[in-house]
Amino acid sequence: MKLPALGILVLCFGCALLCGCSTPQLAEPTVTVTDLSMEEISLTSLTVLTRVQVSNPNPVGITIANLSFDLFYVTDEGEQYLGHGVKENLVIPKDNTTSFDIPVKVGSLQALQALGVALEDRSLTLVVRGTAAVDLKLTTVKIPFEKRQVLSTR
């Protein structure tokens, strides 16, 4: 009687091992800046609306604990800092793509300088560079993202 019980135990253990090996791996979500636009333009302030899209291809929902980025405009001298955007605790359902609008309020000095470049060049090149921290309960995975977009002022 002990031999069949031992055989069943070995068979169950083998099935459990094989089932564990066939569990699909979770894919890394993608984070993309899909659009940048200037809003609320005045001589003393500027708001840049940043649309960020997060795609979760996994069969379980995820939480982005922190999505943060820096915003720059480009001149002949290089990138000039405009401001910082952040959004926290973003829940992305399973097998879903979700978009978020994140406004970045630009200080008056940076706004004047950027608007001066935009008027002179008839366009303004913006660069967004940041990371999204995906909360996996035991650890956090950081996903970098970047976008360069030229805004026309014509």
C-alpha atoms as a PDB file:
ATOM      1  CA  MET A   1       0.000   0.000   0.000  1.00  0.00           C
ATOM      2  CA  LYS A   2       2.916   2.374   0.577  1.00  0.00           C
ATOM      3  CA  LEU A   3       4.151   2.060  -3.026  1.00  0.00           C
ATOM      4  CA  PRO A   4       1.000   3.457  -4.731  1.00  0.00           C
ATOM      5  CA  ALA A   5       0.799   6.333  -2.222  1.00  0.00           C
ATOM      6  CA  LEU A   6       4.443   7.187  -2.863  1.00  0.00           C
ATOM      7  CA  GLY A   7       3.855   7.012  -6.639  1.00  0.00           C
ATOM      8  CA  ILE A   8       0.877   9.361  -6.390  1.00  0.00           C
ATOM      9  CA  LEU A   9       2.917  11.766  -4.265  1.00  0.00           C
ATOM     10  CA  VAL A  10       5.777  11.788  -6.801  1.00  0.00           C
ATOM     11  CA  LEU A  11       3.291  12.268  -9.662  1.00  0.00           C
ATOM     12  CA  CYS A  12       1.640  15.220  -7.879  1.00  0.00           C
ATOM     13  CA  PHE A  13       5.028  16.778  -7.118  1.00  0.00           C
ATOM     14  CA  GLY A  14       6.099  16.395 -10.768  1.00  0.00           C
ATOM     15  CA  CYS A  15       2.853  17.999 -12.008  1.00  0.00           C
ATOM     16  CA  ALA A  16       3.326  20.910  -9.610  1.00  0.00           C
ATOM     17  CA  LEU A  17       6.850  21.473 -10.930  1.00  0.00           C
ATOM     18  CA  LEU A  18       5.709  21.373 -14.544  1.00  0.00           C
ATOM     19  CA  CYS A  19       2.796  23.733 -13.885  1.00  0.00           C
ATOM     20  CA  GLY A  20       5.148  26.213 -12.230  1.00  0.00           C
ATOM     21  CA  CYS A  21       7.418  26.172 -15.278  1.00  0.00           C
ATOM     22  CA  SER A  22       4.581  26.920 -17.658  1.00  0.00           C
ATOM     23  CA  THR A  23       3.499  30.091 -15.841  1.00  0.00           C
ATOM     24  CA  PRO A  24       3.802  32.962 -18.334  1.00  0.00           C
ATOM     25  CA  GLN A  25       6.394  35.645 -17.584  1.00  0.00           C
ATOM     26  CA  LEU A  26       5.062  39.122 -16.955  1.00  0.00           C
ATOM     27  CA  ALA A  27       5.972  41.664 -19.618  1.00  0.00           C
ATOM     28  CA  GLU A  28       7.386  45.079 -18.813  1.00  0.00           C
ATOM     29  CA  PRO A  29       4.818  47.859 -19.241  1.00  0.00           C
ATOM     30  CA  THR A  30       5.617  50.608 -21.737  1.00  0.00           C
ATOM     31  CA  VAL A  31       5.555  54.304 -20.911  1.00  0.00           C
ATOM     32  CA  THR A  32       5.289  56.802 -23.766  1.00  0.00           C
ATOM     33  CA  VAL A  33       4.855  60.565 -23.921  1.00  0.00           C
ATOM     34  CA  THR A  34       2.305  60.917 -26.719  1.00  0.00           C
ATOM     35  CA  ASP A  35       1.881  64.694 -26.823  1.00  0.00           C
ATOM     36  CA  LEU A  36       3.129  68.007 -25.493  1.00  0.00           C
ATOM     37  CA  SER A  37       1.166  71.237 -25.767  1.00  0.00           C
ATOM     38  CA  MET A  38       1.489  74.762 -24.401  1.00  0.00           C
ATOM     39  CA  GLU A  39      -1.478  75.910 -22.344  1.00  0.00           C
ATOM     40  CA  GLU A  40      -2.174  79.090 -20.391  1.00  0.00           C
ATOM     41  CA  ILE A  41       0.464  81.204 -22.110  1.00  0.00           C
ATOM     42  CA  SER A  42       1.060  84.665 -20.632  1.00  0.00           C
ATOM     43  CA  LEU A  43       3.980  86.990 -19.941  1.00  0.00           C
ATOM     44  CA  THR A  44       4.249  85.692 -16.400  1.00  0.00           C
ATOM     45  CA  SER A  45       3.469  82.002 -16.723  1.00  0.00           C
ATOM     46  CA  LEU A  46       3.298  79.020 -18.988  1.00  0.00           C
ATOM     47  CA  THR A  47       1.778  75.585 -18.519  1.00  0.00           C
ATOM     48  CA  VAL A  48       2.968  72.666 -20.619  1.00  0.00           C
ATOM     49  CA  LEU A  49       0.451  69.826 -20.773  1.00  0.00           C
ATOM     50  CA  THR A  50       2.223  66.482 -21.002  1.00  0.00           C
ATOM     51  CA  ARG A  51       0.173  63.445 -22.078  1.00  0.00           C
ATOM     52  CA  VAL A  52       1.692  60.168 -20.886  1.00  0.00           C
ATOM     53  CA  GLN A  53       0.410  56.761 -21.982  1.00  0.00           C
ATOM     54  CA  VAL A  54       1.064  53.571 -19.989  1.00  0.00           C
ATOM     55  CA  SER A  55       0.433  50.187 -21.617  1.00  0.00           C
ATOM     56  CA  ASN A  56       0.081  47.132 -19.386  1.00  0.00           C
ATOM     57  CA  PRO A  57       0.086  43.909 -21.459  1.00  0.00           C
ATOM     58  CA  ASN A  58      -0.134  41.669 -18.378  1.00  0.00           C
ATOM     59  CA  PRO A  59      -3.056  39.585 -17.099  1.00  0.00           C
ATOM     60  CA  VAL A  60      -2.908  41.468 -13.772  1.00  0.00           C
ATOM     61  CA  GLY A  61      -3.220  45.160 -12.955  1.00  0.00           C
ATOM     62  CA  ILE A  62      -0.194  47.217 -11.964  1.00  0.00           C
ATOM     63  CA  THR A  63       0.437  50.332  -9.915  1.00  0.00           C
ATOM     64  CA  ILE A  64       2.860  53.053 -10.944  1.00  0.00           C
ATOM     65  CA  ALA A  65       4.005  54.318  -7.558  1.00  0.00           C
ATOM     66  CA  ASN A  66       5.680  57.379  -9.047  1.00  0.00           C
ATOM     67  CA  LEU A  67       5.885  58.789 -12.563  1.00  0.00           C
ATOM     68  CA  SER A  68       8.188  61.800 -12.710  1.00  0.00           C
ATOM     69  CA  PHE A  69       9.990  63.732 -15.412  1.00  0.00           C
ATOM     70  CA  ASP A  70      11.895  66.885 -16.194  1.00  0.00           C
ATOM     71  CA  LEU A  71      10.935  69.208 -19.030  1.00  0.00           C
ATOM     72  CA  PHE A  72      13.488  71.117 -21.118  1.00  0.00           C
ATOM     73  CA  TYR A  73      13.505  73.377 -24.169  1.00  0.00           C
ATOM     74  CA  VAL A  74      16.341  73.290 -26.680  1.00  0.00           C
ATOM     75  CA  THR A  75      18.500  76.256 -27.718  1.00  0.00           C
ATOM     76  CA  ASP A  76      21.808  76.543 -29.580  1.00  0.00           C
ATOM     77  CA  GLU A  77      23.507  76.244 -26.172  1.00  0.00           C
ATOM     78  CA  GLY A  78      21.768  72.929 -25.341  1.00  0.00           C
ATOM     79  CA  GLU A  79      18.836  71.936 -23.159  1.00  0.00           C
ATOM     80  CA  GLN A  80      17.390  74.541 -20.777  1.00  0.00           C
ATOM     81  CA  TYR A  81      15.378  73.399 -17.755  1.00  0.00           C
ATOM     82  CA  LEU A  82      11.696  74.375 -17.740  1.00  0.00           C
ATOM     83  CA  GLY A  83      10.080  72.404 -14.957  1.00  0.00           C
ATOM     84  CA  HIS A  84       9.214  69.106 -13.303  1.00  0.00           C
ATOM     85  CA  GLY A  85       6.114  66.925 -13.560  1.00  0.00           C
ATOM     86  CA  VAL A  86       4.995  64.146 -11.261  1.00  0.00           C
ATOM     87  CA  LYS A  87       2.000  61.876 -10.753  1.00  0.00           C
ATOM     88  CA  GLU A  88       1.699  59.146  -8.118  1.00  0.00           C
ATOM     89  CA  ASN A  89      -0.274  55.972  -7.457  1.00  0.00           C
ATOM     90  CA  LEU A  90      -1.485  55.386 -11.004  1.00  0.00           C
ATOM     91  CA  VAL A  91      -3.480  52.169 -11.334  1.00  0.00           C
ATOM     92  CA  ILE A  92      -3.310  50.516 -14.763  1.00  0.00           C
ATOM     93  CA  PRO A  93      -5.832  47.675 -15.237  1.00  0.00           C
ATOM     94  CA  LYS A  94      -4.805  44.355 -16.775  1.00  0.00           C
ATOM     95  CA  ASP A  95      -4.441  44.250 -20.576  1.00  0.00           C
ATOM     96  CA  ASN A  96      -5.049  47.987 -20.748  1.00  0.00           C
ATOM     97  CA  THR A  97      -3.565  51.229 -22.046  1.00  0.00           C
ATOM     98  CA  THR A  98      -4.293  54.339 -20.000  1.00  0.00           C
ATOM     99  CA  SER A  99      -3.408  57.991 -20.692  1.00  0.00           C
ATOM    100  CA  PHE A 100      -2.760  60.723 -18.132  1.00  0.00           C
ATOM    101  CA  ASP A 101      -2.471  64.490 -18.616  1.00  0.00           C
ATOM    102  CA  ILE A 102       0.178  65.998 -16.380  1.00  0.00           C
ATOM    103  CA  PRO A 103       0.398  69.812 -16.359  1.00  0.00           C
ATOM    104  CA  VAL A 104       3.786  71.392 -15.700  1.00  0.00           C
ATOM    105  CA  LYS A 105       3.691  74.970 -14.401  1.00  0.00           C
ATOM    106  CA  VAL A 106       6.736  76.844 -15.645  1.00  0.00           C
ATOM    107  CA  GLY A 107       8.217  79.702 -13.621  1.00  0.00           C
ATOM    108  CA  SER A 108       8.015  83.229 -15.008  1.00  0.00           C
ATOM    109  CA  LEU A 109      11.716  83.600 -15.908  1.00  0.00           C
ATOM    110  CA  GLN A 110      11.858  80.238 -17.702  1.00  0.00           C
ATOM    111  CA  ALA A 111       8.525  80.987 -19.421  1.00  0.00           C
ATOM    112  CA  LEU A 112       9.793  84.326 -20.757  1.00  0.00           C
ATOM    113  CA  GLN A 113      13.022  82.773 -22.011  1.00  0.00           C
ATOM    114  CA  ALA A 114      11.243  79.857 -23.701  1.00  0.00           C
ATOM    115  CA  LEU A 115       8.628  82.137 -25.279  1.00  0.00           C
ATOM    116  CA  GLY A 116      11.435  84.392 -26.566  1.00  0.00           C
ATOM    117  CA  VAL A 117      13.055  81.407 -28.297  1.00  0.00           C
ATOM    118  CA  ALA A 118       9.668  80.301 -29.668  1.00  0.00           C
ATOM    119  CA  LEU A 119       8.935  83.735 -31.140  1.00  0.00           C
ATOM    120  CA  GLU A 120      12.408  84.106 -32.628  1.00  0.00           C
ATOM    121  CA  ASP A 121      12.632  80.592 -34.118  1.00  0.00           C
ATOM    122  CA  ARG A 122       8.898  80.254 -34.876  1.00  0.00           C
ATOM    123  CA  SER A 123       9.054  76.920 -33.053  1.00  0.00           C
ATOM    124  CA  LEU A 124      10.101  75.488 -29.729  1.00  0.00           C
ATOM    125  CA  THR A 125      11.686  72.071 -29.279  1.00  0.00           C
ATOM    126  CA  LEU A 126      10.678  70.439 -25.998  1.00  0.00           C
ATOM    127  CA  VAL A 127      12.303  67.408 -24.382  1.00  0.00           C
ATOM    128  CA  VAL A 128      10.734  65.266 -21.666  1.00  0.00           C
ATOM    129  CA  ARG A 129      12.931  62.803 -19.767  1.00  0.00           C
ATOM    130  CA  GLY A 130      11.774  60.716 -16.831  1.00  0.00           C
ATOM    131  CA  THR A 131      11.037  57.387 -15.176  1.00  0.00           C
ATOM    132  CA  ALA A 132       8.003  55.440 -14.068  1.00  0.00           C
ATOM    133  CA  ALA A 133       8.438  53.361 -10.912  1.00  0.00           C
ATOM    134  CA  VAL A 134       6.259  50.230 -11.108  1.00  0.00           C
ATOM    135  CA  ASP A 135       5.390  48.866  -7.655  1.00  0.00           C
ATOM    136  CA  LEU A 136       5.793  45.056  -7.647  1.00  0.00           C
ATOM    137  CA  LYS A 137       5.181  44.791  -3.876  1.00  0.00           C
ATOM    138  CA  LEU A 138       8.569  43.144  -3.176  1.00  0.00           C
ATOM    139  CA  THR A 139      10.549  45.505  -5.380  1.00  0.00           C
ATOM    140  CA  THR A 140      10.184  48.492  -7.676  1.00  0.00           C
ATOM    141  CA  VAL A 141      11.083  48.482 -11.371  1.00  0.00           C
ATOM    142  CA  LYS A 142      11.999  51.812 -12.973  1.00  0.00           C
ATOM    143  CA  ILE A 143      11.064  52.287 -16.625  1.00  0.00           C
ATOM    144  CA  PRO A 144      12.783  55.220 -18.367  1.00  0.00           C
ATOM    145  CA  PHE A 145      11.036  57.285 -21.045  1.00  0.00           C
ATOM    146  CA  GLU A 146      11.925  60.239 -23.249  1.00  0.00           C
ATOM    147  CA  LYS A 147      10.246  62.366 -25.925  1.00  0.00           C
ATOM    148  CA  ARG A 148      11.428  65.196 -28.135  1.00  0.00           C
ATOM    149  CA  GLN A 149       8.742  67.272 -29.860  1.00  0.00           C
ATOM    150  CA  VAL A 150       8.840  70.457 -31.922  1.00  0.00           C
ATOM    151  CA  LEU A 151       5.959  72.865 -31.298  1.00  0.00           C
ATOM    152  CA  SER A 152       5.251  75.336 -34.098  1.00  0.00           C
ATOM    153  CA  THR A 153       4.294  78.911 -33.194  1.00  0.00           C
ATOM    154  CA  ARG A 154       3.076  79.868 -36.675  1.00  0.00           C
END
